Amino acid sequence: VSVGMLFDPAVVVEQPLPLMATVAIILFGKSFAAYLIVKAFG
């Protein structure tokens, strides 16, 4: 709850592109890296 209190919802409107890039890193960037690493280990 205290973490949520720090969040300013205006960031969705004011910084849509940085937010989309952040979400892309979480959902696709690091997960794709994990996928390649697991495949590399056979």
PDB file of all heavy atoms in Angstrom:
ATOM      1  N   VAL A   1       0.841  -1.202   0.000  1.00  0.00           N
ATOM      2  CA  VAL A   1       0.000   0.000   0.000  1.00  0.00           C
ATOM      3  C   VAL A   1       0.877   1.253   0.000  1.00  0.00           C
ATOM      4  O   VAL A   1       0.632   2.207  -0.747  1.00  0.00           O
ATOM      5  CB  VAL A   1      -0.961   0.007   1.215  1.00  0.00           C
ATOM      6  CG1 VAL A   1      -1.646   1.365   1.352  1.00  0.00           C
ATOM      7  CG2 VAL A   1      -2.008  -1.090   1.079  1.00  0.00           C
ATOM      8  N   SER A   2       1.906   1.267   0.837  1.00  0.00           N
ATOM      9  CA  SER A   2       2.798   2.430   0.912  1.00  0.00           C
ATOM     10  C   SER A   2       3.523   2.649  -0.414  1.00  0.00           C
ATOM     11  O   SER A   2       3.775   3.787  -0.815  1.00  0.00           O
ATOM     12  CB  SER A   2       3.809   2.255   2.046  1.00  0.00           C
ATOM     13  OG  SER A   2       4.767   1.269   1.726  1.00  0.00           O
ATOM     14  N   VAL A   3       3.866   1.553  -1.099  1.00  0.00           N
ATOM     15  CA  VAL A   3       4.497   1.668  -2.415  1.00  0.00           C
ATOM     16  C   VAL A   3       3.515   2.297  -3.404  1.00  0.00           C
ATOM     17  O   VAL A   3       3.876   3.188  -4.184  1.00  0.00           O
ATOM     18  CB  VAL A   3       4.951   0.280  -2.918  1.00  0.00           C
ATOM     19  CG1 VAL A   3       5.347   0.345  -4.393  1.00  0.00           C
ATOM     20  CG2 VAL A   3       6.125  -0.224  -2.091  1.00  0.00           C
ATOM     21  N   GLY A   4       2.257   1.836  -3.365  1.00  0.00           N
ATOM     22  CA  GLY A   4       1.240   2.402  -4.249  1.00  0.00           C
ATOM     23  C   GLY A   4       1.017   3.884  -4.016  1.00  0.00           C
ATOM     24  O   GLY A   4       0.722   4.641  -4.948  1.00  0.00           O
ATOM     25  N   MET A   5       1.165   4.333  -2.759  1.00  0.00           N
ATOM     26  CA  MET A   5       0.991   5.752  -2.438  1.00  0.00           C
ATOM     27  C   MET A   5       2.026   6.632  -3.139  1.00  0.00           C
ATOM     28  O   MET A   5       1.797   7.820  -3.368  1.00  0.00           O
ATOM     29  CB  MET A   5       1.083   5.961  -0.923  1.00  0.00           C
ATOM     30  CG  MET A   5      -0.106   5.444  -0.142  1.00  0.00           C
ATOM     31  SD  MET A   5       0.139   5.599   1.649  1.00  0.00           S
ATOM     32  CE  MET A   5       0.241   7.385   1.827  1.00  0.00           C
ATOM     33  N   LEU A   6       3.156   6.043  -3.484  1.00  0.00           N
ATOM     34  CA  LEU A   6       4.220   6.812  -4.134  1.00  0.00           C
ATOM     35  C   LEU A   6       4.002   6.952  -5.635  1.00  0.00           C
ATOM     36  O   LEU A   6       4.681   7.743  -6.302  1.00  0.00           O
ATOM     37  CB  LEU A   6       5.574   6.137  -3.890  1.00  0.00           C
ATOM     38  CG  LEU A   6       6.010   5.977  -2.429  1.00  0.00           C
ATOM     39  CD1 LEU A   6       7.260   5.124  -2.347  1.00  0.00           C
ATOM     40  CD2 LEU A   6       6.241   7.334  -1.790  1.00  0.00           C
ATOM     41  N   PHE A   7       3.064   6.162  -6.188  1.00  0.00           N
ATOM     42  CA  PHE A   7       2.865   6.132  -7.632  1.00  0.00           C
ATOM     43  C   PHE A   7       1.963   7.275  -8.087  1.00  0.00           C
ATOM     44  O   PHE A   7       0.862   7.450  -7.565  1.00  0.00           O
ATOM     45  CB  PHE A   7       2.259   4.789  -8.045  1.00  0.00           C
ATOM     46  CG  PHE A   7       1.954   4.683  -9.516  1.00  0.00           C
ATOM     47  CD1 PHE A   7       2.968   4.773 -10.453  1.00  0.00           C
ATOM     48  CD2 PHE A   7       0.652   4.493  -9.958  1.00  0.00           C
ATOM     49  CE1 PHE A   7       2.695   4.678 -11.805  1.00  0.00           C
ATOM     50  CE2 PHE A   7       0.363   4.387 -11.304  1.00  0.00           C
ATOM     51  CZ  PHE A   7       1.395   4.486 -12.238  1.00  0.00           C
ATOM     52  N   ASP A   8       2.429   8.016  -9.068  1.00  0.00           N
ATOM     53  CA  ASP A   8       1.647   9.101  -9.652  1.00  0.00           C
ATOM     54  C   ASP A   8       1.029   8.596 -10.959  1.00  0.00           C
ATOM     55  O   ASP A   8       1.748   8.383 -11.950  1.00  0.00           O
ATOM     56  CB  ASP A   8       2.553  10.307  -9.929  1.00  0.00           C
ATOM     57  CG  ASP A   8       1.771  11.498 -10.456  1.00  0.00           C
ATOM     58  OD1 ASP A   8       0.540  11.376 -10.623  1.00  0.00           O
ATOM     59  OD2 ASP A   8       2.391  12.548 -10.697  1.00  0.00           O
ATOM     60  N   PRO A   9      -0.291   8.364 -10.984  1.00  0.00           N
ATOM     61  CA  PRO A   9      -0.931   7.836 -12.199  1.00  0.00           C
ATOM     62  C   PRO A   9      -0.737   8.719 -13.425  1.00  0.00           C
ATOM     63  O   PRO A   9      -0.900   8.251 -14.562  1.00  0.00           O
ATOM     64  CB  PRO A   9      -2.419   7.763 -11.810  1.00  0.00           C
ATOM     65  CG  PRO A   9      -2.442   7.768 -10.320  1.00  0.00           C
ATOM     66  CD  PRO A   9      -1.264   8.582  -9.898  1.00  0.00           C
ATOM     67  N   ALA A  10      -0.400   9.986 -13.198  1.00  0.00           N
ATOM     68  CA  ALA A  10      -0.200  10.905 -14.327  1.00  0.00           C
ATOM     69  C   ALA A  10       0.931  10.450 -15.246  1.00  0.00           C
ATOM     70  O   ALA A  10       1.001  10.877 -16.405  1.00  0.00           O
ATOM     71  CB  ALA A  10       0.095  12.314 -13.808  1.00  0.00           C
ATOM     72  N   VAL A  11       1.806   9.564 -14.745  1.00  0.00           N
ATOM     73  CA  VAL A  11       2.930   9.098 -15.562  1.00  0.00           C
ATOM     74  C   VAL A  11       2.432   8.376 -16.811  1.00  0.00           C
ATOM     75  O   VAL A  11       3.094   8.378 -17.858  1.00  0.00           O
ATOM     76  CB  VAL A  11       3.860   8.169 -14.725  1.00  0.00           C
ATOM     77  CG1 VAL A  11       3.192   6.823 -14.455  1.00  0.00           C
ATOM     78  CG2 VAL A  11       5.181   7.942 -15.452  1.00  0.00           C
ATOM     79  N   VAL A  12       1.246   7.773 -16.733  1.00  0.00           N
ATOM     80  CA  VAL A  12       0.673   7.054 -17.877  1.00  0.00           C
ATOM     81  C   VAL A  12       0.407   8.025 -19.027  1.00  0.00           C
ATOM     82  O   VAL A  12       0.588   7.686 -20.200  1.00  0.00           O
ATOM     83  CB  VAL A  12      -0.632   6.333 -17.464  1.00  0.00           C
ATOM     84  CG1 VAL A  12      -1.261   5.625 -18.653  1.00  0.00           C
ATOM     85  CG2 VAL A  12      -0.360   5.341 -16.347  1.00  0.00           C
ATOM     86  N   VAL A  13      -0.016   9.250 -18.701  1.00  0.00           N
ATOM     87  CA  VAL A  13      -0.324  10.262 -19.717  1.00  0.00           C
ATOM     88  C   VAL A  13       0.912  11.088 -20.071  1.00  0.00           C
ATOM     89  O   VAL A  13       1.158  11.395 -21.244  1.00  0.00           O
ATOM     90  CB  VAL A  13      -1.457  11.194 -19.217  1.00  0.00           C
ATOM     91  CG1 VAL A  13      -1.755  12.278 -20.237  1.00  0.00           C
ATOM     92  CG2 VAL A  13      -2.712  10.390 -18.906  1.00  0.00           C
ATOM     93  N   GLU A  14       1.691  11.434 -19.041  1.00  0.00           N
ATOM     94  CA  GLU A  14       2.826  12.332 -19.242  1.00  0.00           C
ATOM     95  C   GLU A  14       4.047  11.638 -19.838  1.00  0.00           C
ATOM     96  O   GLU A  14       4.840  12.253 -20.544  1.00  0.00           O
ATOM     97  CB  GLU A  14       3.206  12.990 -17.912  1.00  0.00           C
ATOM     98  CG  GLU A  14       2.120  13.920 -17.367  1.00  0.00           C
ATOM     99  CD  GLU A  14       2.422  14.401 -15.961  1.00  0.00           C
ATOM    100  OE1 GLU A  14       3.487  13.986 -15.410  1.00  0.00           O
ATOM    101  OE2 GLU A  14       1.629  15.179 -15.405  1.00  0.00           O
ATOM    102  N   GLN A  15       4.244  10.337 -19.518  1.00  0.00           N
ATOM    103  CA  GLN A  15       5.415   9.607 -20.018  1.00  0.00           C
ATOM    104  C   GLN A  15       5.002   8.259 -20.610  1.00  0.00           C
ATOM    105  O   GLN A  15       5.485   7.201 -20.175  1.00  0.00           O
ATOM    106  CB  GLN A  15       6.420   9.376 -18.892  1.00  0.00           C
ATOM    107  CG  GLN A  15       6.957  10.645 -18.247  1.00  0.00           C
ATOM    108  CD  GLN A  15       8.065  10.337 -17.265  1.00  0.00           C
ATOM    109  OE1 GLN A  15       9.161   9.932 -17.644  1.00  0.00           O
ATOM    110  NE2 GLN A  15       7.785  10.518 -15.985  1.00  0.00           N
ATOM    111  N   PRO A  16       4.113   8.249 -21.612  1.00  0.00           N
ATOM    112  CA  PRO A  16       3.640   6.965 -22.147  1.00  0.00           C
ATOM    113  C   PRO A  16       4.734   6.132 -22.809  1.00  0.00           C
ATOM    114  O   PRO A  16       4.790   4.905 -22.640  1.00  0.00           O
ATOM    115  CB  PRO A  16       2.563   7.374 -23.158  1.00  0.00           C
ATOM    116  CG  PRO A  16       2.901   8.789 -23.525  1.00  0.00           C
ATOM    117  CD  PRO A  16       3.493   9.392 -22.302  1.00  0.00           C
ATOM    118  N   LEU A  17       5.623   6.805 -23.551  1.00  0.00           N
ATOM    119  CA  LEU A  17       6.671   6.050 -24.257  1.00  0.00           C
ATOM    120  C   LEU A  17       7.699   5.446 -23.293  1.00  0.00           C
ATOM    121  O   LEU A  17       8.042   4.262 -23.424  1.00  0.00           O
ATOM    122  CB  LEU A  17       7.353   6.948 -25.293  1.00  0.00           C
ATOM    123  CG  LEU A  17       6.459   7.379 -26.478  1.00  0.00           C
ATOM    124  CD1 LEU A  17       7.227   8.291 -27.421  1.00  0.00           C
ATOM    125  CD2 LEU A  17       5.945   6.152 -27.216  1.00  0.00           C
ATOM    126  N   PRO A  18       8.229   6.215 -22.310  1.00  0.00           N
ATOM    127  CA  PRO A  18       9.125   5.591 -21.326  1.00  0.00           C
ATOM    128  C   PRO A  18       8.462   4.450 -20.555  1.00  0.00           C
ATOM    129  O   PRO A  18       9.108   3.439 -20.257  1.00  0.00           O
ATOM    130  CB  PRO A  18       9.485   6.755 -20.395  1.00  0.00           C
ATOM    131  CG  PRO A  18       9.346   7.970 -21.225  1.00  0.00           C
ATOM    132  CD  PRO A  18       8.190   7.689 -22.133  1.00  0.00           C
ATOM    133  N   LEU A  19       7.162   4.607 -20.240  1.00  0.00           N
ATOM    134  CA  LEU A  19       6.450   3.540 -19.531  1.00  0.00           C
ATOM    135  C   LEU A  19       6.337   2.298 -20.404  1.00  0.00           C
ATOM    136  O   LEU A  19       6.558   1.176 -19.931  1.00  0.00           O
ATOM    137  CB  LEU A  19       5.063   4.026 -19.110  1.00  0.00           C
ATOM    138  CG  LEU A  19       4.197   3.002 -18.349  1.00  0.00           C
ATOM    139  CD1 LEU A  19       4.898   2.561 -17.060  1.00  0.00           C
ATOM    140  CD2 LEU A  19       2.828   3.589 -18.022  1.00  0.00           C
ATOM    141  N   MET A  20       6.016   2.489 -21.684  1.00  0.00           N
ATOM    142  CA  MET A  20       5.929   1.345 -22.606  1.00  0.00           C
ATOM    143  C   MET A  20       7.286   0.659 -22.751  1.00  0.00           C
ATOM    144  O   MET A  20       7.366  -0.570 -22.815  1.00  0.00           O
ATOM    145  CB  MET A  20       5.416   1.818 -23.966  1.00  0.00           C
ATOM    146  CG  MET A  20       3.935   2.194 -23.968  1.00  0.00           C
ATOM    147  SD  MET A  20       3.428   2.984 -25.516  1.00  0.00           S
ATOM    148  CE  MET A  20       3.732   1.667 -26.685  1.00  0.00           C
ATOM    149  N   ALA A  21       8.349   1.461 -22.796  1.00  0.00           N
ATOM    150  CA  ALA A  21       9.701   0.879 -22.903  1.00  0.00           C
ATOM    151  C   ALA A  21      10.051   0.089 -21.643  1.00  0.00           C
ATOM    152  O   ALA A  21      10.651  -0.998 -21.723  1.00  0.00           O
ATOM    153  CB  ALA A  21      10.720   1.999 -23.131  1.00  0.00           C
ATOM    154  N   THR A  22       9.661   0.623 -20.478  1.00  0.00           N
ATOM    155  CA  THR A  22       9.909  -0.083 -19.214  1.00  0.00           C
ATOM    156  C   THR A  22       9.173  -1.420 -19.184  1.00  0.00           C
ATOM    157  O   THR A  22       9.749  -2.455 -18.820  1.00  0.00           O
ATOM    158  CB  THR A  22       9.444   0.786 -18.020  1.00  0.00           C
ATOM    159  OG1 THR A  22      10.141   2.024 -18.043  1.00  0.00           O
ATOM    160  CG2 THR A  22       9.710   0.081 -16.702  1.00  0.00           C
ATOM    161  N   VAL A  23       7.906  -1.398 -19.586  1.00  0.00           N
ATOM    162  CA  VAL A  23       7.105  -2.633 -19.624  1.00  0.00           C
ATOM    163  C   VAL A  23       7.710  -3.625 -20.618  1.00  0.00           C
ATOM    164  O   VAL A  23       7.766  -4.829 -20.357  1.00  0.00           O
ATOM    165  CB  VAL A  23       5.636  -2.310 -19.989  1.00  0.00           C
ATOM    166  CG1 VAL A  23       4.848  -3.595 -20.223  1.00  0.00           C
ATOM    167  CG2 VAL A  23       4.984  -1.487 -18.890  1.00  0.00           C
ATOM    168  N   ALA A  24       8.192  -3.113 -21.754  1.00  0.00           N
ATOM    169  CA  ALA A  24       8.800  -3.991 -22.767  1.00  0.00           C
ATOM    170  C   ALA A  24      10.044  -4.682 -22.222  1.00  0.00           C
ATOM    171  O   ALA A  24      10.276  -5.874 -22.492  1.00  0.00           O
ATOM    172  CB  ALA A  24       9.142  -3.181 -24.016  1.00  0.00           C
ATOM    173  N   ILE A  25      10.856  -3.952 -21.444  1.00  0.00           N
ATOM    174  CA  ILE A  25      12.052  -4.565 -20.844  1.00  0.00           C
ATOM    175  C   ILE A  25      11.650  -5.692 -19.898  1.00  0.00           C
ATOM    176  O   ILE A  25      12.246  -6.780 -19.902  1.00  0.00           O
ATOM    177  CB  ILE A  25      12.877  -3.493 -20.087  1.00  0.00           C
ATOM    178  CG1 ILE A  25      13.512  -2.518 -21.078  1.00  0.00           C
ATOM    179  CG2 ILE A  25      13.966  -4.158 -19.235  1.00  0.00           C
ATOM    180  CD1 ILE A  25      14.178  -1.312 -20.417  1.00  0.00           C
ATOM    181  N   ILE A  26      10.607  -5.448 -19.086  1.00  0.00           N
ATOM    182  CA  ILE A  26      10.175  -6.450 -18.103  1.00  0.00           C
ATOM    183  C   ILE A  26       9.562  -7.672 -18.776  1.00  0.00           C
ATOM    184  O   ILE A  26       9.915  -8.813 -18.474  1.00  0.00           O
ATOM    185  CB  ILE A  26       9.164  -5.822 -17.120  1.00  0.00           C
ATOM    186  CG1 ILE A  26       9.790  -4.667 -16.347  1.00  0.00           C
ATOM    187  CG2 ILE A  26       8.660  -6.882 -16.131  1.00  0.00           C
ATOM    188  CD1 ILE A  26       8.785  -3.808 -15.592  1.00  0.00           C
ATOM    189  N   LEU A  27       8.625  -7.417 -19.696  1.00  0.00           N
ATOM    190  CA  LEU A  27       7.868  -8.523 -20.299  1.00  0.00           C
ATOM    191  C   LEU A  27       8.651  -9.274 -21.370  1.00  0.00           C
ATOM    192  O   LEU A  27       8.516 -10.497 -21.500  1.00  0.00           O
ATOM    193  CB  LEU A  27       6.564  -8.000 -20.901  1.00  0.00           C
ATOM    194  CG  LEU A  27       5.504  -7.466 -19.933  1.00  0.00           C
ATOM    195  CD1 LEU A  27       4.256  -7.055 -20.702  1.00  0.00           C
ATOM    196  CD2 LEU A  27       5.148  -8.500 -18.871  1.00  0.00           C
ATOM    197  N   PHE A  28       9.434  -8.529 -22.154  1.00  0.00           N
ATOM    198  CA  PHE A  28      10.076  -9.168 -23.299  1.00  0.00           C
ATOM    199  C   PHE A  28      11.603  -9.176 -23.225  1.00  0.00           C
ATOM    200  O   PHE A  28      12.227 -10.186 -23.558  1.00  0.00           O
ATOM    201  CB  PHE A  28       9.631  -8.474 -24.597  1.00  0.00           C
ATOM    202  CG  PHE A  28       8.136  -8.404 -24.746  1.00  0.00           C
ATOM    203  CD1 PHE A  28       7.481  -7.186 -24.680  1.00  0.00           C
ATOM    204  CD2 PHE A  28       7.391  -9.559 -24.910  1.00  0.00           C
ATOM    205  CE1 PHE A  28       6.101  -7.121 -24.799  1.00  0.00           C
ATOM    206  CE2 PHE A  28       6.005  -9.505 -25.029  1.00  0.00           C
ATOM    207  CZ  PHE A  28       5.357  -8.286 -24.976  1.00  0.00           C
ATOM    208  N   GLY A  29      12.195  -8.076 -22.779  1.00  0.00           N
ATOM    209  CA  GLY A  29      13.661  -7.992 -22.749  1.00  0.00           C
ATOM    210  C   GLY A  29      14.292  -9.042 -21.858  1.00  0.00           C
ATOM    211  O   GLY A  29      15.063  -9.893 -22.316  1.00  0.00           O
ATOM    212  N   LYS A  30      13.959  -9.009 -20.553  1.00  0.00           N
ATOM    213  CA  LYS A  30      14.625  -9.942 -19.627  1.00  0.00           C
ATOM    214  C   LYS A  30      14.117 -11.370 -19.803  1.00  0.00           C
ATOM    215  O   LYS A  30      14.869 -12.327 -19.596  1.00  0.00           O
ATOM    216  CB  LYS A  30      14.483  -9.476 -18.180  1.00  0.00           C
ATOM    217  CG  LYS A  30      13.122  -9.583 -17.554  1.00  0.00           C
ATOM    218  CD  LYS A  30      13.254  -9.300 -16.062  1.00  0.00           C
ATOM    219  CE  LYS A  30      11.968  -9.592 -15.313  1.00  0.00           C
ATOM    220  NZ  LYS A  30      12.164  -9.696 -13.884  1.00  0.00           N
ATOM    221  N   SER A  31      12.842 -11.537 -20.210  1.00  0.00           N
ATOM    222  CA  SER A  31      12.336 -12.893 -20.408  1.00  0.00           C
ATOM    223  C   SER A  31      12.961 -13.536 -21.648  1.00  0.00           C
ATOM    224  O   SER A  31      13.238 -14.737 -21.663  1.00  0.00           O
ATOM    225  CB  SER A  31      10.806 -12.889 -20.521  1.00  0.00           C
ATOM    226  OG  SER A  31      10.380 -12.083 -21.583  1.00  0.00           O
ATOM    227  N   PHE A  32      13.211 -12.723 -22.701  1.00  0.00           N
ATOM    228  CA  PHE A  32      13.881 -13.252 -23.895  1.00  0.00           C
ATOM    229  C   PHE A  32      15.312 -13.649 -23.565  1.00  0.00           C
ATOM    230  O   PHE A  32      15.815 -14.676 -24.045  1.00  0.00           O
ATOM    231  CB  PHE A  32      13.854 -12.221 -25.025  1.00  0.00           C
ATOM    232  CG  PHE A  32      14.445 -12.707 -26.311  1.00  0.00           C
ATOM    233  CD1 PHE A  32      13.888 -13.790 -26.989  1.00  0.00           C
ATOM    234  CD2 PHE A  32      15.574 -12.105 -26.845  1.00  0.00           C
ATOM    235  CE1 PHE A  32      14.449 -14.245 -28.184  1.00  0.00           C
ATOM    236  CE2 PHE A  32      16.145 -12.553 -28.037  1.00  0.00           C
ATOM    237  CZ  PHE A  32      15.574 -13.630 -28.712  1.00  0.00           C
ATOM    238  N   ALA A  33      15.967 -12.828 -22.725  1.00  0.00           N
ATOM    239  CA  ALA A  33      17.325 -13.170 -22.286  1.00  0.00           C
ATOM    240  C   ALA A  33      17.322 -14.495 -21.522  1.00  0.00           C
ATOM    241  O   ALA A  33      18.175 -15.369 -21.749  1.00  0.00           O
ATOM    242  CB  ALA A  33      17.887 -12.050 -21.403  1.00  0.00           C
ATOM    243  N   ALA A  34      16.332 -14.680 -20.634  1.00  0.00           N
ATOM    244  CA  ALA A  34      16.221 -15.931 -19.884  1.00  0.00           C
ATOM    245  C   ALA A  34      15.968 -17.108 -20.822  1.00  0.00           C
ATOM    246  O   ALA A  34      16.543 -18.193 -20.656  1.00  0.00           O
ATOM    247  CB  ALA A  34      15.094 -15.822 -18.858  1.00  0.00           C
ATOM    248  N   TYR A  35      15.119 -16.899 -21.833  1.00  0.00           N
ATOM    249  CA  TYR A  35      14.818 -17.954 -22.816  1.00  0.00           C
ATOM    250  C   TYR A  35      16.096 -18.410 -23.524  1.00  0.00           C
ATOM    251  O   TYR A  35      16.372 -19.614 -23.638  1.00  0.00           O
ATOM    252  CB  TYR A  35      13.799 -17.441 -23.830  1.00  0.00           C
ATOM    253  CG  TYR A  35      13.477 -18.411 -24.938  1.00  0.00           C
ATOM    254  CD1 TYR A  35      12.504 -19.392 -24.770  1.00  0.00           C
ATOM    255  CD2 TYR A  35      14.151 -18.352 -26.158  1.00  0.00           C
ATOM    256  CE1 TYR A  35      12.214 -20.289 -25.783  1.00  0.00           C
ATOM    257  CE2 TYR A  35      13.875 -19.245 -27.183  1.00  0.00           C
ATOM    258  CZ  TYR A  35      12.900 -20.207 -26.992  1.00  0.00           C
ATOM    259  OH  TYR A  35      12.625 -21.102 -27.994  1.00  0.00           O
ATOM    260  N   LEU A  36      16.895 -17.437 -24.004  1.00  0.00           N
ATOM    261  CA  LEU A  36      18.135 -17.774 -24.712  1.00  0.00           C
ATOM    262  C   LEU A  36      19.122 -18.494 -23.796  1.00  0.00           C
ATOM    263  O   LEU A  36      19.803 -19.441 -24.225  1.00  0.00           O
ATOM    264  CB  LEU A  36      18.775 -16.496 -25.265  1.00  0.00           C
ATOM    265  CG  LEU A  36      18.001 -15.766 -26.380  1.00  0.00           C
ATOM    266  CD1 LEU A  36      18.748 -14.498 -26.784  1.00  0.00           C
ATOM    267  CD2 LEU A  36      17.821 -16.681 -27.595  1.00  0.00           C
ATOM    268  N   ILE A  37      19.197 -18.060 -22.542  1.00  0.00           N
ATOM    269  CA  ILE A  37      20.135 -18.679 -21.593  1.00  0.00           C
ATOM    270  C   ILE A  37      19.749 -20.141 -21.341  1.00  0.00           C
ATOM    271  O   ILE A  37      20.602 -21.039 -21.370  1.00  0.00           O
ATOM    272  CB  ILE A  37      20.161 -17.896 -20.264  1.00  0.00           C
ATOM    273  CG1 ILE A  37      20.749 -16.503 -20.474  1.00  0.00           C
ATOM    274  CG2 ILE A  37      20.965 -18.651 -19.203  1.00  0.00           C
ATOM    275  CD1 ILE A  37      20.462 -15.529 -19.345  1.00  0.00           C
ATOM    276  N   VAL A  38      18.460 -20.395 -21.104  1.00  0.00           N
ATOM    277  CA  VAL A  38      18.006 -21.774 -20.842  1.00  0.00           C
ATOM    278  C   VAL A  38      18.249 -22.658 -22.061  1.00  0.00           C
ATOM    279  O   VAL A  38      18.695 -23.799 -21.937  1.00  0.00           O
ATOM    280  CB  VAL A  38      16.513 -21.783 -20.441  1.00  0.00           C
ATOM    281  CG1 VAL A  38      16.013 -23.221 -20.265  1.00  0.00           C
ATOM    282  CG2 VAL A  38      16.299 -21.017 -19.136  1.00  0.00           C
ATOM    283  N   LYS A  39      17.970 -22.126 -23.252  1.00  0.00           N
ATOM    284  CA  LYS A  39      18.225 -22.894 -24.485  1.00  0.00           C
ATOM    285  C   LYS A  39      19.713 -23.170 -24.661  1.00  0.00           C
ATOM    286  O   LYS A  39      20.113 -24.256 -25.108  1.00  0.00           O
ATOM    287  CB  LYS A  39      17.682 -22.127 -25.699  1.00  0.00           C
ATOM    288  CG  LYS A  39      16.168 -22.087 -25.790  1.00  0.00           C
ATOM    289  CD  LYS A  39      15.569 -23.445 -26.162  1.00  0.00           C
ATOM    290  CE  LYS A  39      15.821 -23.775 -27.606  1.00  0.00           C
ATOM    291  NZ  LYS A  39      15.221 -25.084 -27.972  1.00  0.00           N
ATOM    292  N   ALA A  40      20.558 -22.168 -24.308  1.00  0.00           N
ATOM    293  CA  ALA A  40      22.009 -22.328 -24.444  1.00  0.00           C
ATOM    294  C   ALA A  40      22.539 -23.451 -23.558  1.00  0.00           C
ATOM    295  O   ALA A  40      23.564 -24.070 -23.877  1.00  0.00           O
ATOM    296  CB  ALA A  40      22.713 -21.015 -24.112  1.00  0.00           C
ATOM    297  N   PHE A  41      21.837 -23.730 -22.443  1.00  0.00           N
ATOM    298  CA  PHE A  41      22.246 -24.810 -21.560  1.00  0.00           C
ATOM    299  C   PHE A  41      21.689 -26.164 -22.003  1.00  0.00           C
ATOM    300  O   PHE A  41      21.812 -27.155 -21.288  1.00  0.00           O
ATOM    301  CB  PHE A  41      21.807 -24.511 -20.123  1.00  0.00           C
ATOM    302  CG  PHE A  41      22.769 -23.637 -19.363  1.00  0.00           C
ATOM    303  CD1 PHE A  41      22.713 -22.255 -19.475  1.00  0.00           C
ATOM    304  CD2 PHE A  41      23.753 -24.194 -18.561  1.00  0.00           C
ATOM    305  CE1 PHE A  41      23.602 -21.444 -18.776  1.00  0.00           C
ATOM    306  CE2 PHE A  41      24.650 -23.402 -17.865  1.00  0.00           C
ATOM    307  CZ  PHE A  41      24.573 -22.015 -17.977  1.00  0.00           C
ATOM    308  N   GLY A  42      21.070 -26.195 -23.186  1.00  0.00           N
ATOM    309  CA  GLY A  42      20.619 -27.466 -23.757  1.00  0.00           C
ATOM    310  C   GLY A  42      19.269 -27.960 -23.285  1.00  0.00           C
ATOM    311  O   GLY A  42      18.915 -29.115 -23.534  1.00  0.00           O
TER     312      GLY A  42
END
